[in-house]
Amino acid sequence: MAELPANVSRVRVRMYHTDLVGVFHGRIFELFEEARTEVFRRLGFEYRVAAEQGIAMVVTAVDAHFYRPLAMDDEVTVVVTIAHLSRAR
């Protein structure tokens, strides 16, 4: 399998993401967070070191496009894009 670009991550839908009818839409953002964490880790960002220095990566907006329902054990490709990066004000 080809290596993914640094801003792309694959995450797997786990049982705790689901309810009786499939993946609970409110838990989709947990998949996004898993992907975001892995993308930044691959780019060399160390969350523990950043926290010790008082640096936080705050998400202020999230956009999602749903093309089909997910089911447990599906593998999802998440593309992480940074539209704007600045100091907190």
N, C-alpha and C. Protein backbone atom coordinates (compact mmCIF):
# COMPACT_ATOMS: atom_id res chain seq x y z
N MET A 1 0.85 -1.18 0.00
CA MET A 1 0.00 0.00 0.00
C MET A 1 0.89 1.24 0.00
N ALA A 2 0.54 2.22 -0.79
CA ALA A 2 1.30 3.47 -0.89
C ALA A 2 1.22 4.26 0.41
N GLU A 3 2.30 4.97 0.71
CA GLU A 3 2.32 5.81 1.91
C GLU A 3 1.39 7.00 1.71
N LEU A 4 0.68 7.36 2.76
CA LEU A 4 -0.26 8.48 2.71
C LEU A 4 0.47 9.80 2.80
N PRO A 5 -0.08 10.86 2.20
CA PRO A 5 0.48 12.21 2.42
C PRO A 5 0.42 12.53 3.92
N ALA A 6 1.26 13.44 4.37
CA ALA A 6 1.35 13.76 5.80
C ALA A 6 0.03 14.25 6.39
N ASN A 7 -0.83 14.89 5.57
CA ASN A 7 -2.07 15.45 6.11
C ASN A 7 -3.26 14.50 5.99
N VAL A 8 -3.01 13.25 5.66
CA VAL A 8 -4.09 12.27 5.50
C VAL A 8 -3.88 11.15 6.51
N SER A 9 -4.96 10.76 7.16
CA SER A 9 -4.87 9.69 8.14
C SER A 9 -6.04 8.73 7.93
N ARG A 10 -5.79 7.46 8.19
CA ARG A 10 -6.86 6.47 8.14
C ARG A 10 -7.18 6.07 9.57
N VAL A 11 -8.46 6.09 9.89
CA VAL A 11 -8.91 5.69 11.23
C VAL A 11 -10.01 4.65 11.07
N ARG A 12 -10.11 3.77 12.04
CA ARG A 12 -11.09 2.70 11.98
C ARG A 12 -12.25 2.99 12.92
N VAL A 13 -13.46 2.74 12.45
CA VAL A 13 -14.65 2.91 13.27
C VAL A 13 -14.68 1.79 14.30
N ARG A 14 -14.78 2.16 15.56
CA ARG A 14 -14.80 1.19 16.67
C ARG A 14 -16.23 1.04 17.20
N MET A 15 -16.43 0.03 18.00
CA MET A 15 -17.76 -0.23 18.54
C MET A 15 -18.30 0.98 19.32
N TYR A 16 -17.44 1.66 20.08
CA TYR A 16 -17.92 2.79 20.89
C TYR A 16 -18.35 4.00 20.05
N HIS A 17 -18.07 3.99 18.75
CA HIS A 17 -18.56 5.05 17.87
C HIS A 17 -20.00 4.80 17.42
N THR A 18 -20.51 3.63 17.70
CA THR A 18 -21.80 3.22 17.13
C THR A 18 -22.94 3.23 18.14
N ASP A 19 -24.15 3.22 17.58
CA ASP A 19 -25.35 3.00 18.38
C ASP A 19 -26.13 1.87 17.71
N LEU A 20 -27.40 1.72 18.01
CA LEU A 20 -28.17 0.60 17.46
C LEU A 20 -28.35 0.62 15.95
N VAL A 21 -28.26 1.80 15.34
CA VAL A 21 -28.50 1.89 13.89
C VAL A 21 -27.23 2.18 13.09
N GLY A 22 -26.09 2.17 13.72
CA GLY A 22 -24.84 2.43 13.00
C GLY A 22 -23.98 3.41 13.75
N VAL A 23 -23.16 4.16 13.03
CA VAL A 23 -22.27 5.13 13.67
C VAL A 23 -23.08 6.34 14.10
N PHE A 24 -22.96 6.70 15.35
CA PHE A 24 -23.65 7.87 15.89
C PHE A 24 -22.95 9.12 15.37
N HIS A 25 -23.69 10.00 14.68
CA HIS A 25 -23.08 11.15 14.02
C HIS A 25 -22.29 12.05 14.96
N GLY A 26 -22.68 12.12 16.21
CA GLY A 26 -21.96 12.95 17.17
C GLY A 26 -20.57 12.43 17.49
N ARG A 27 -20.31 11.17 17.21
CA ARG A 27 -19.01 10.57 17.50
C ARG A 27 -18.06 10.67 16.31
N ILE A 28 -18.56 11.10 15.17
CA ILE A 28 -17.72 11.25 13.98
C ILE A 28 -16.53 12.18 14.29
N PHE A 29 -16.78 13.20 15.09
CA PHE A 29 -15.73 14.17 15.38
C PHE A 29 -14.60 13.55 16.22
N GLU A 30 -14.88 12.47 16.92
CA GLU A 30 -13.81 11.75 17.61
C GLU A 30 -12.85 11.14 16.59
N LEU A 31 -13.38 10.65 15.48
CA LEU A 31 -12.53 10.12 14.41
C LEU A 31 -11.67 11.23 13.84
N PHE A 32 -12.26 12.41 13.67
CA PHE A 32 -11.51 13.56 13.17
C PHE A 32 -10.36 13.91 14.11
N GLU A 33 -10.64 13.88 15.42
CA GLU A 33 -9.61 14.23 16.40
C GLU A 33 -8.48 13.21 16.39
N GLU A 34 -8.82 11.93 16.26
CA GLU A 34 -7.78 10.90 16.16
C GLU A 34 -6.89 11.16 14.95
N ALA A 35 -7.51 11.49 13.83
CA ALA A 35 -6.75 11.77 12.61
C ALA A 35 -5.89 13.02 12.78
N ARG A 36 -6.44 14.07 13.35
CA ARG A 36 -5.70 15.32 13.54
C ARG A 36 -4.47 15.08 14.42
N THR A 37 -4.65 14.34 15.50
CA THR A 37 -3.55 14.05 16.40
C THR A 37 -2.44 13.30 15.67
N GLU A 38 -2.79 12.31 14.88
CA GLU A 38 -1.79 11.53 14.16
C GLU A 38 -1.09 12.35 13.09
N VAL A 39 -1.83 13.20 12.39
CA VAL A 39 -1.22 14.05 11.36
C VAL A 39 -0.19 14.97 11.99
N PHE A 40 -0.54 15.64 13.06
CA PHE A 40 0.42 16.55 13.71
C PHE A 40 1.61 15.79 14.27
N ARG A 41 1.38 14.57 14.79
CA ARG A 41 2.49 13.77 15.29
C ARG A 41 3.46 13.44 14.16
N ARG A 42 2.93 13.05 12.99
CA ARG A 42 3.79 12.74 11.84
C ARG A 42 4.56 13.96 11.36
N LEU A 43 4.00 15.14 11.57
CA LEU A 43 4.68 16.38 11.17
C LEU A 43 5.69 16.87 12.21
N GLY A 44 5.82 16.10 13.32
CA GLY A 44 6.82 16.44 14.32
C GLY A 44 6.30 17.23 15.51
N PHE A 45 5.00 17.49 15.56
CA PHE A 45 4.42 18.24 16.68
C PHE A 45 4.22 17.30 17.86
N GLU A 46 4.84 17.61 18.98
CA GLU A 46 4.71 16.78 20.17
C GLU A 46 3.77 17.45 21.16
N TYR A 47 2.60 16.88 21.34
CA TYR A 47 1.58 17.48 22.20
C TYR A 47 2.06 17.64 23.64
N ARG A 48 2.75 16.65 24.16
CA ARG A 48 3.22 16.73 25.55
C ARG A 48 4.19 17.90 25.72
N VAL A 49 5.14 18.05 24.81
CA VAL A 49 6.10 19.15 24.87
C VAL A 49 5.38 20.49 24.72
N ALA A 50 4.44 20.56 23.80
CA ALA A 50 3.68 21.79 23.58
C ALA A 50 2.91 22.18 24.85
N ALA A 51 2.27 21.20 25.48
CA ALA A 51 1.51 21.48 26.70
C ALA A 51 2.42 22.01 27.81
N GLU A 52 3.61 21.44 27.92
CA GLU A 52 4.57 21.91 28.92
C GLU A 52 5.01 23.35 28.66
N GLN A 53 4.96 23.78 27.39
CA GLN A 53 5.34 25.13 27.01
C GLN A 53 4.13 26.08 26.95
N GLY A 54 2.96 25.57 27.33
CA GLY A 54 1.75 26.40 27.32
C GLY A 54 1.16 26.60 25.94
N ILE A 55 1.49 25.73 25.00
CA ILE A 55 0.97 25.83 23.63
C ILE A 55 -0.18 24.86 23.46
N ALA A 56 -1.26 25.33 22.87
CA ALA A 56 -2.42 24.47 22.61
C ALA A 56 -2.86 24.66 21.16
N MET A 57 -3.30 23.59 20.55
CA MET A 57 -3.84 23.65 19.19
C MET A 57 -5.36 23.62 19.32
N VAL A 58 -5.97 24.77 19.27
CA VAL A 58 -7.41 24.90 19.48
C VAL A 58 -8.13 24.85 18.14
N VAL A 59 -9.10 23.97 18.04
CA VAL A 59 -9.91 23.88 16.83
C VAL A 59 -11.09 24.83 16.99
N THR A 60 -11.25 25.75 16.05
CA THR A 60 -12.36 26.71 16.14
C THR A 60 -13.46 26.44 15.13
N ALA A 61 -13.19 25.59 14.14
CA ALA A 61 -14.22 25.25 13.15
C ALA A 61 -13.90 23.89 12.54
N VAL A 62 -14.94 23.14 12.24
CA VAL A 62 -14.81 21.83 11.61
C VAL A 62 -15.85 21.74 10.52
N ASP A 63 -15.46 21.16 9.39
CA ASP A 63 -16.38 21.00 8.27
C ASP A 63 -16.40 19.53 7.90
N ALA A 64 -17.57 18.99 7.62
CA ALA A 64 -17.68 17.57 7.27
C ALA A 64 -18.63 17.39 6.09
N HIS A 65 -18.25 16.49 5.22
CA HIS A 65 -19.10 16.11 4.09
C HIS A 65 -19.35 14.61 4.21
N PHE A 66 -20.59 14.21 4.31
CA PHE A 66 -20.94 12.81 4.49
C PHE A 66 -21.46 12.25 3.18
N TYR A 67 -20.79 11.23 2.67
CA TYR A 67 -21.16 10.65 1.39
C TYR A 67 -21.96 9.36 1.54
N ARG A 68 -21.75 8.64 2.64
CA ARG A 68 -22.51 7.42 2.91
C ARG A 68 -22.38 7.10 4.40
N PRO A 69 -23.30 6.32 4.93
CA PRO A 69 -23.22 5.95 6.35
C PRO A 69 -21.99 5.08 6.63
N LEU A 70 -21.49 5.18 7.84
CA LEU A 70 -20.38 4.33 8.27
C LEU A 70 -20.91 3.17 9.10
N ALA A 71 -20.13 2.13 9.19
CA ALA A 71 -20.46 0.98 10.02
C ALA A 71 -19.23 0.58 10.81
N MET A 72 -19.46 -0.17 11.88
CA MET A 72 -18.36 -0.62 12.71
C MET A 72 -17.34 -1.37 11.86
N ASP A 73 -16.07 -1.09 12.11
CA ASP A 73 -14.91 -1.69 11.46
C ASP A 73 -14.60 -1.10 10.09
N ASP A 74 -15.39 -0.11 9.63
CA ASP A 74 -15.02 0.60 8.40
C ASP A 74 -13.73 1.36 8.65
N GLU A 75 -12.91 1.49 7.61
CA GLU A 75 -11.73 2.34 7.68
C GLU A 75 -12.06 3.63 6.95
N VAL A 76 -11.82 4.76 7.60
CA VAL A 76 -12.18 6.06 7.07
C VAL A 76 -10.91 6.85 6.78
N THR A 77 -10.86 7.49 5.63
CA THR A 77 -9.74 8.36 5.30
C THR A 77 -10.14 9.78 5.64
N VAL A 78 -9.33 10.43 6.50
CA VAL A 78 -9.61 11.79 6.94
C VAL A 78 -8.47 12.68 6.45
N VAL A 79 -8.83 13.77 5.76
CA VAL A 79 -7.86 14.74 5.29
C VAL A 79 -7.89 15.92 6.25
N VAL A 80 -6.73 16.25 6.82
CA VAL A 80 -6.62 17.36 7.77
C VAL A 80 -6.05 18.56 7.03
N THR A 81 -6.79 19.67 7.07
CA THR A 81 -6.36 20.90 6.40
C THR A 81 -6.37 22.03 7.41
N ILE A 82 -5.30 22.78 7.44
CA ILE A 82 -5.23 23.95 8.32
C ILE A 82 -5.51 25.18 7.46
N ALA A 83 -6.64 25.81 7.72
CA ALA A 83 -7.02 27.00 6.93
C ALA A 83 -6.32 28.24 7.45
N HIS A 84 -6.06 28.29 8.76
CA HIS A 84 -5.45 29.48 9.35
C HIS A 84 -4.77 29.06 10.65
N LEU A 85 -3.57 29.52 10.85
CA LEU A 85 -2.83 29.22 12.07
C LEU A 85 -2.29 30.53 12.61
N SER A 86 -2.64 30.83 13.87
CA SER A 86 -2.18 32.09 14.47
C SER A 86 -2.10 31.95 15.98
N ARG A 87 -1.56 32.95 16.60
CA ARG A 87 -1.54 33.01 18.06
C ARG A 87 -2.95 33.33 18.57
N ALA A 88 -3.27 32.83 19.74
CA ALA A 88 -4.54 33.17 20.37
C ALA A 88 -4.55 34.65 20.70
N ARG A 89 -5.72 35.24 20.62
CA ARG A 89 -5.83 36.68 20.93
C ARG A 89 -6.73 36.91 22.10
